Each structure stands twice: as C-alpha cells, then as structure tokens.
N, C-alpha and C. Protein backbone atom coordinates (compact mmCIF):
# COMPACT_ATOMS: atom_id res chain seq x y z
N MET A 1 -51.79 34.22 -144.35
CA MET A 1 -51.75 32.78 -144.43
C MET A 1 -50.33 32.25 -144.25
N PHE A 2 -49.34 32.96 -144.80
CA PHE A 2 -47.94 32.57 -144.67
C PHE A 2 -47.57 32.37 -143.20
N GLN A 3 -48.03 33.30 -142.34
CA GLN A 3 -47.70 33.24 -140.92
C GLN A 3 -48.32 32.04 -140.22
N ASP A 4 -49.28 31.37 -140.86
CA ASP A 4 -49.85 30.15 -140.29
C ASP A 4 -48.87 28.97 -140.37
N TYR A 5 -47.87 29.09 -141.24
CA TYR A 5 -46.96 27.97 -141.46
C TYR A 5 -45.49 28.29 -141.20
N PHE A 6 -45.14 29.57 -141.13
CA PHE A 6 -43.75 29.97 -140.96
C PHE A 6 -43.66 31.13 -139.98
N SER A 7 -42.53 31.18 -139.28
CA SER A 7 -42.27 32.32 -138.40
C SER A 7 -40.82 32.76 -138.60
N TYR A 8 -40.60 34.05 -138.45
CA TYR A 8 -39.27 34.61 -138.69
C TYR A 8 -38.37 34.34 -137.51
N ASP A 9 -37.19 33.83 -137.78
CA ASP A 9 -36.18 33.60 -136.76
C ASP A 9 -35.15 34.73 -136.84
N GLU A 10 -35.17 35.60 -135.85
CA GLU A 10 -34.28 36.77 -135.84
C GLU A 10 -32.82 36.36 -135.89
N ARG A 11 -32.46 35.34 -135.13
CA ARG A 11 -31.06 34.92 -135.05
C ARG A 11 -30.55 34.43 -136.41
N LEU A 12 -31.34 33.62 -137.08
CA LEU A 12 -30.91 33.05 -138.36
C LEU A 12 -31.18 33.97 -139.54
N GLY A 13 -32.12 34.90 -139.37
CA GLY A 13 -32.43 35.84 -140.44
C GLY A 13 -33.26 35.25 -141.56
N ILE A 14 -34.00 34.18 -141.26
CA ILE A 14 -34.86 33.54 -142.26
C ILE A 14 -36.16 33.11 -141.59
N PHE A 15 -37.15 32.80 -142.43
CA PHE A 15 -38.39 32.21 -141.93
C PHE A 15 -38.17 30.71 -141.78
N LEU A 16 -38.69 30.16 -140.69
CA LEU A 16 -38.62 28.73 -140.44
C LEU A 16 -40.02 28.16 -140.34
N PRO A 17 -40.17 26.89 -140.70
CA PRO A 17 -41.49 26.26 -140.55
C PRO A 17 -41.94 26.31 -139.10
N SER A 18 -43.21 26.58 -138.93
CA SER A 18 -43.82 26.64 -137.61
C SER A 18 -45.23 26.06 -137.73
N LEU A 19 -45.28 24.74 -137.83
CA LEU A 19 -46.55 24.08 -138.09
C LEU A 19 -47.29 23.82 -136.78
N LYS A 20 -48.55 24.15 -136.78
CA LYS A 20 -49.38 24.01 -135.59
C LYS A 20 -50.09 22.66 -135.54
N LEU A 21 -50.19 22.00 -136.69
CA LEU A 21 -50.87 20.71 -136.78
C LEU A 21 -49.87 19.64 -137.17
N ASP A 22 -50.25 18.39 -136.97
CA ASP A 22 -49.46 17.30 -137.51
C ASP A 22 -49.53 17.37 -139.03
N TRP A 23 -48.47 16.94 -139.67
CA TRP A 23 -48.37 17.05 -141.13
C TRP A 23 -49.58 16.45 -141.83
N GLU A 24 -50.01 15.29 -141.39
CA GLU A 24 -51.13 14.60 -142.07
C GLU A 24 -52.47 15.32 -141.89
N ASP A 25 -52.53 16.26 -140.96
CA ASP A 25 -53.77 17.02 -140.76
C ASP A 25 -53.93 18.18 -141.75
N TYR A 26 -52.89 18.45 -142.53
CA TYR A 26 -52.99 19.47 -143.57
C TYR A 26 -53.49 18.80 -144.85
N SER A 27 -54.27 19.54 -145.61
CA SER A 27 -54.75 19.01 -146.89
C SER A 27 -53.56 18.86 -147.84
N HIS A 28 -53.77 18.08 -148.88
CA HIS A 28 -52.72 17.89 -149.88
C HIS A 28 -52.30 19.24 -150.48
N ASP A 29 -53.27 20.10 -150.77
CA ASP A 29 -52.95 21.42 -151.32
C ASP A 29 -52.13 22.26 -150.34
N GLN A 30 -52.50 22.21 -149.07
CA GLN A 30 -51.74 22.94 -148.06
C GLN A 30 -50.31 22.39 -147.96
N GLN A 31 -50.18 21.07 -147.97
CA GLN A 31 -48.86 20.46 -147.90
C GLN A 31 -47.99 20.92 -149.07
N GLN A 32 -48.56 20.94 -150.26
CA GLN A 32 -47.82 21.36 -151.44
C GLN A 32 -47.42 22.83 -151.35
N MET A 33 -48.31 23.67 -150.84
CA MET A 33 -48.01 25.08 -150.67
C MET A 33 -46.89 25.27 -149.64
N ILE A 34 -46.96 24.55 -148.55
CA ILE A 34 -45.93 24.64 -147.51
C ILE A 34 -44.58 24.18 -148.07
N LEU A 35 -44.57 23.06 -148.77
CA LEU A 35 -43.32 22.55 -149.35
C LEU A 35 -42.74 23.52 -150.38
N THR A 36 -43.60 24.08 -151.20
CA THR A 36 -43.14 25.03 -152.21
C THR A 36 -42.51 26.26 -151.55
N GLU A 37 -43.19 26.78 -150.55
CA GLU A 37 -42.68 27.96 -149.85
C GLU A 37 -41.38 27.62 -149.12
N TRP A 38 -41.31 26.45 -148.49
CA TRP A 38 -40.09 26.05 -147.78
C TRP A 38 -38.92 25.93 -148.76
N GLU A 39 -39.17 25.38 -149.92
CA GLU A 39 -38.09 25.25 -150.91
C GLU A 39 -37.60 26.62 -151.36
N TYR A 40 -38.50 27.57 -151.47
CA TYR A 40 -38.11 28.94 -151.82
C TYR A 40 -37.23 29.53 -150.72
N ILE A 41 -37.66 29.39 -149.47
CA ILE A 41 -36.90 29.89 -148.32
C ILE A 41 -35.55 29.17 -148.25
N ARG A 42 -35.59 27.86 -148.34
CA ARG A 42 -34.40 27.03 -148.25
C ARG A 42 -33.39 27.41 -149.33
N GLY A 43 -33.87 27.77 -150.50
CA GLY A 43 -32.98 28.17 -151.59
C GLY A 43 -32.21 29.44 -151.31
N GLY A 44 -32.72 30.27 -150.39
CA GLY A 44 -32.02 31.50 -150.03
C GLY A 44 -31.01 31.34 -148.91
N ILE A 45 -30.97 30.17 -148.30
CA ILE A 45 -30.05 29.96 -147.18
C ILE A 45 -28.59 30.12 -147.59
N PRO A 46 -28.14 29.58 -148.73
CA PRO A 46 -26.72 29.80 -149.09
C PRO A 46 -26.36 31.28 -149.22
N ASP A 47 -27.28 32.10 -149.70
CA ASP A 47 -27.01 33.54 -149.78
C ASP A 47 -26.85 34.15 -148.39
N GLN A 48 -27.69 33.71 -147.46
CA GLN A 48 -27.59 34.19 -146.08
C GLN A 48 -26.25 33.77 -145.48
N ILE A 49 -25.83 32.56 -145.75
CA ILE A 49 -24.54 32.07 -145.25
C ILE A 49 -23.40 32.90 -145.84
N THR A 50 -23.48 33.20 -147.10
CA THR A 50 -22.44 34.02 -147.76
C THR A 50 -22.33 35.39 -147.10
N ARG A 51 -23.47 36.01 -146.80
CA ARG A 51 -23.45 37.31 -146.13
C ARG A 51 -22.78 37.21 -144.75
N LEU A 52 -23.10 36.15 -144.02
CA LEU A 52 -22.50 35.97 -142.70
C LEU A 52 -21.01 35.69 -142.80
N GLU A 53 -20.60 34.91 -143.79
CA GLU A 53 -19.18 34.64 -143.99
C GLU A 53 -18.42 35.92 -144.31
N PHE A 54 -19.02 36.80 -145.08
CA PHE A 54 -18.41 38.09 -145.38
C PHE A 54 -18.19 38.87 -144.09
N THR A 55 -19.19 38.87 -143.22
CA THR A 55 -19.08 39.57 -141.94
C THR A 55 -17.99 38.95 -141.07
N ILE A 56 -17.93 37.61 -141.06
CA ILE A 56 -16.87 36.93 -140.30
C ILE A 56 -15.50 37.34 -140.82
N ASN A 57 -15.33 37.33 -142.13
CA ASN A 57 -14.04 37.71 -142.72
C ASN A 57 -13.65 39.12 -142.34
N HIS A 58 -14.63 40.02 -142.35
CA HIS A 58 -14.37 41.41 -141.95
C HIS A 58 -13.93 41.47 -140.48
N LYS A 59 -14.64 40.75 -139.61
CA LYS A 59 -14.30 40.77 -138.19
C LYS A 59 -12.94 40.10 -137.94
N GLN A 60 -12.60 39.08 -138.71
CA GLN A 60 -11.29 38.44 -138.57
C GLN A 60 -10.17 39.40 -138.99
N GLU A 61 -10.44 40.18 -140.02
CA GLU A 61 -9.45 41.18 -140.44
C GLU A 61 -9.26 42.23 -139.34
N LEU A 62 -10.36 42.66 -138.73
CA LEU A 62 -10.25 43.60 -137.61
C LEU A 62 -9.48 42.96 -136.46
N LEU A 63 -9.75 41.70 -136.20
CA LEU A 63 -9.08 40.98 -135.12
C LEU A 63 -7.58 40.88 -135.37
N ASN A 64 -7.19 40.70 -136.61
CA ASN A 64 -5.76 40.59 -136.96
C ASN A 64 -4.98 41.84 -136.60
N HIS A 65 -5.67 42.97 -136.53
CA HIS A 65 -4.99 44.24 -136.26
C HIS A 65 -5.36 44.82 -134.89
N GLU A 66 -6.10 44.06 -134.11
CA GLU A 66 -6.55 44.56 -132.80
C GLU A 66 -5.55 44.20 -131.71
N SER A 67 -5.10 45.20 -130.98
CA SER A 67 -4.14 44.95 -129.90
C SER A 67 -4.79 45.00 -128.52
N ASP A 68 -6.00 45.54 -128.45
CA ASP A 68 -6.72 45.61 -127.18
C ASP A 68 -7.33 44.25 -126.87
N PHE A 69 -6.95 43.67 -125.74
CA PHE A 69 -7.40 42.32 -125.37
C PHE A 69 -8.92 42.23 -125.26
N VAL A 70 -9.54 43.20 -124.63
CA VAL A 70 -10.99 43.17 -124.43
C VAL A 70 -11.71 43.22 -125.78
N LEU A 71 -11.26 44.09 -126.65
CA LEU A 71 -11.87 44.17 -127.98
C LEU A 71 -11.62 42.90 -128.78
N SER A 72 -10.45 42.30 -128.62
CA SER A 72 -10.16 41.03 -129.28
C SER A 72 -11.11 39.93 -128.82
N CYS A 73 -11.36 39.89 -127.52
CA CYS A 73 -12.30 38.90 -126.98
C CYS A 73 -13.71 39.13 -127.52
N LYS A 74 -14.10 40.39 -127.62
CA LYS A 74 -15.43 40.72 -128.15
C LYS A 74 -15.54 40.27 -129.61
N LEU A 75 -14.53 40.56 -130.41
CA LEU A 75 -14.54 40.14 -131.81
C LEU A 75 -14.57 38.62 -131.93
N ASN A 76 -13.79 37.94 -131.10
CA ASN A 76 -13.79 36.47 -131.11
C ASN A 76 -15.17 35.93 -130.79
N SER A 77 -15.81 36.53 -129.82
CA SER A 77 -17.16 36.09 -129.43
C SER A 77 -18.16 36.31 -130.56
N GLU A 78 -18.07 37.45 -131.20
CA GLU A 78 -18.96 37.75 -132.33
C GLU A 78 -18.74 36.77 -133.48
N ILE A 79 -17.48 36.47 -133.75
CA ILE A 79 -17.15 35.52 -134.82
C ILE A 79 -17.70 34.13 -134.48
N ALA A 80 -17.56 33.72 -133.25
CA ALA A 80 -18.07 32.41 -132.82
C ALA A 80 -19.59 32.35 -132.96
N GLU A 81 -20.27 33.42 -132.61
CA GLU A 81 -21.74 33.44 -132.74
C GLU A 81 -22.15 33.36 -134.20
N LEU A 82 -21.47 34.10 -135.06
CA LEU A 82 -21.78 34.04 -136.49
C LEU A 82 -21.52 32.65 -137.05
N ALA A 83 -20.44 32.01 -136.61
CA ALA A 83 -20.15 30.65 -137.06
C ALA A 83 -21.23 29.68 -136.59
N SER A 84 -21.74 29.88 -135.40
CA SER A 84 -22.82 29.05 -134.88
C SER A 84 -24.10 29.22 -135.71
N ILE A 85 -24.38 30.45 -136.10
CA ILE A 85 -25.55 30.72 -136.94
C ILE A 85 -25.38 30.02 -138.29
N ILE A 86 -24.19 30.11 -138.86
CA ILE A 86 -23.94 29.44 -140.14
C ILE A 86 -24.16 27.94 -140.00
N ASN A 87 -23.67 27.35 -138.93
CA ASN A 87 -23.87 25.92 -138.69
C ASN A 87 -25.36 25.58 -138.64
N ASP A 88 -26.12 26.37 -137.92
CA ASP A 88 -27.56 26.12 -137.83
C ASP A 88 -28.25 26.29 -139.18
N LEU A 89 -27.82 27.27 -139.96
CA LEU A 89 -28.39 27.46 -141.29
C LEU A 89 -28.10 26.25 -142.18
N TRP A 90 -26.88 25.71 -142.11
CA TRP A 90 -26.56 24.51 -142.90
C TRP A 90 -27.43 23.33 -142.49
N ILE A 91 -27.69 23.21 -141.20
CA ILE A 91 -28.58 22.13 -140.74
C ILE A 91 -29.96 22.28 -141.37
N TRP A 92 -30.51 23.49 -141.34
CA TRP A 92 -31.82 23.72 -141.96
C TRP A 92 -31.76 23.50 -143.47
N PHE A 93 -30.67 23.93 -144.10
CA PHE A 93 -30.55 23.76 -145.54
C PHE A 93 -30.54 22.28 -145.92
N ARG A 94 -29.88 21.49 -145.11
CA ARG A 94 -29.77 20.05 -145.41
C ARG A 94 -30.97 19.26 -144.92
N SER A 95 -31.87 19.91 -144.22
CA SER A 95 -33.03 19.19 -143.69
C SER A 95 -33.82 18.57 -144.84
N ASN A 96 -34.43 17.47 -144.53
CA ASN A 96 -35.19 16.71 -145.53
C ASN A 96 -36.22 17.61 -146.18
N GLN A 97 -36.16 17.71 -147.49
CA GLN A 97 -37.09 18.59 -148.20
C GLN A 97 -38.41 17.90 -148.52
N GLN A 98 -38.50 16.64 -148.30
CA GLN A 98 -39.75 15.91 -148.53
C GLN A 98 -40.36 15.52 -147.18
N MET A 99 -41.64 15.61 -147.09
CA MET A 99 -42.32 15.22 -145.86
C MET A 99 -43.30 14.09 -146.18
N SER A 100 -43.44 13.21 -145.23
CA SER A 100 -44.39 12.13 -145.39
C SER A 100 -45.34 12.15 -144.19
N ASN A 101 -46.19 11.18 -144.11
CA ASN A 101 -47.16 11.14 -143.02
C ASN A 101 -46.51 11.03 -141.65
N ASP A 102 -45.31 10.47 -141.60
CA ASP A 102 -44.70 10.31 -140.29
C ASP A 102 -43.58 11.32 -140.02
N THR A 103 -43.42 12.30 -140.89
CA THR A 103 -42.43 13.35 -140.64
C THR A 103 -43.03 14.71 -140.92
N LYS A 104 -42.42 15.71 -140.30
CA LYS A 104 -42.78 17.09 -140.61
C LYS A 104 -41.60 17.97 -140.28
N ILE A 105 -41.58 19.14 -140.84
CA ILE A 105 -40.54 20.11 -140.53
C ILE A 105 -40.88 20.72 -139.19
N HIS A 106 -39.93 20.75 -138.29
CA HIS A 106 -40.15 21.33 -136.96
C HIS A 106 -39.54 22.71 -136.91
N GLY A 107 -40.20 23.60 -136.17
CA GLY A 107 -39.67 24.96 -136.02
C GLY A 107 -39.06 25.16 -134.70
C-alpha cells in the first residue's frame, strides 16, 4: 500500500510522494495516512542532509590536498552534485505539510 503513495528517489535517498489521483479523490482516512507517512519521511530529511554534508566535508578535505587537476575537477563536480541534492532536500523539507482540496504533494 505504501508504494501506492510514495516512490523511492535514488538521487535524494528518500521516498517522495507519488500520488496517482487528485488529492480530493482520496478518502479522508487515506489523506490522513498519506500526511502521517509524509511527515515521518519529512522528519528524516535533516538527517539525510547531515550525512551528505559529512560527505561534502570529506571530499573538500581531499580536494584541499589534491594536486592532480583532473582529480580536483572530479571532486569539485561530486561536491557540486551533493550540494544540489541538499538543496533539493531542503525544498522538499520546507514543502507545505498541509494539503487542501486545491493542493497536493507532487512527486
């Protein structure tokens, strides 16, 4: 049943809402279950960000001591991608946690 409302995003490392119906087409009980599950997932986003920040810090430390230009470029690229993921996670974390008849969480 969980997979009816959420799908795993490999890039972000979390489940995201993936609703197949308009929000108002779900029963009140379904809406409450979806919101409850989303709040649980959403609550774990800061931990995911912390893990990614740790990885960025490690890669920055490697970059500080890297003299090979190609490897430096690779590390820079990896750091930029991780920063982009963090940005996207913050967007999802800040997304409106309440849904009404005219809004829904998009995946």
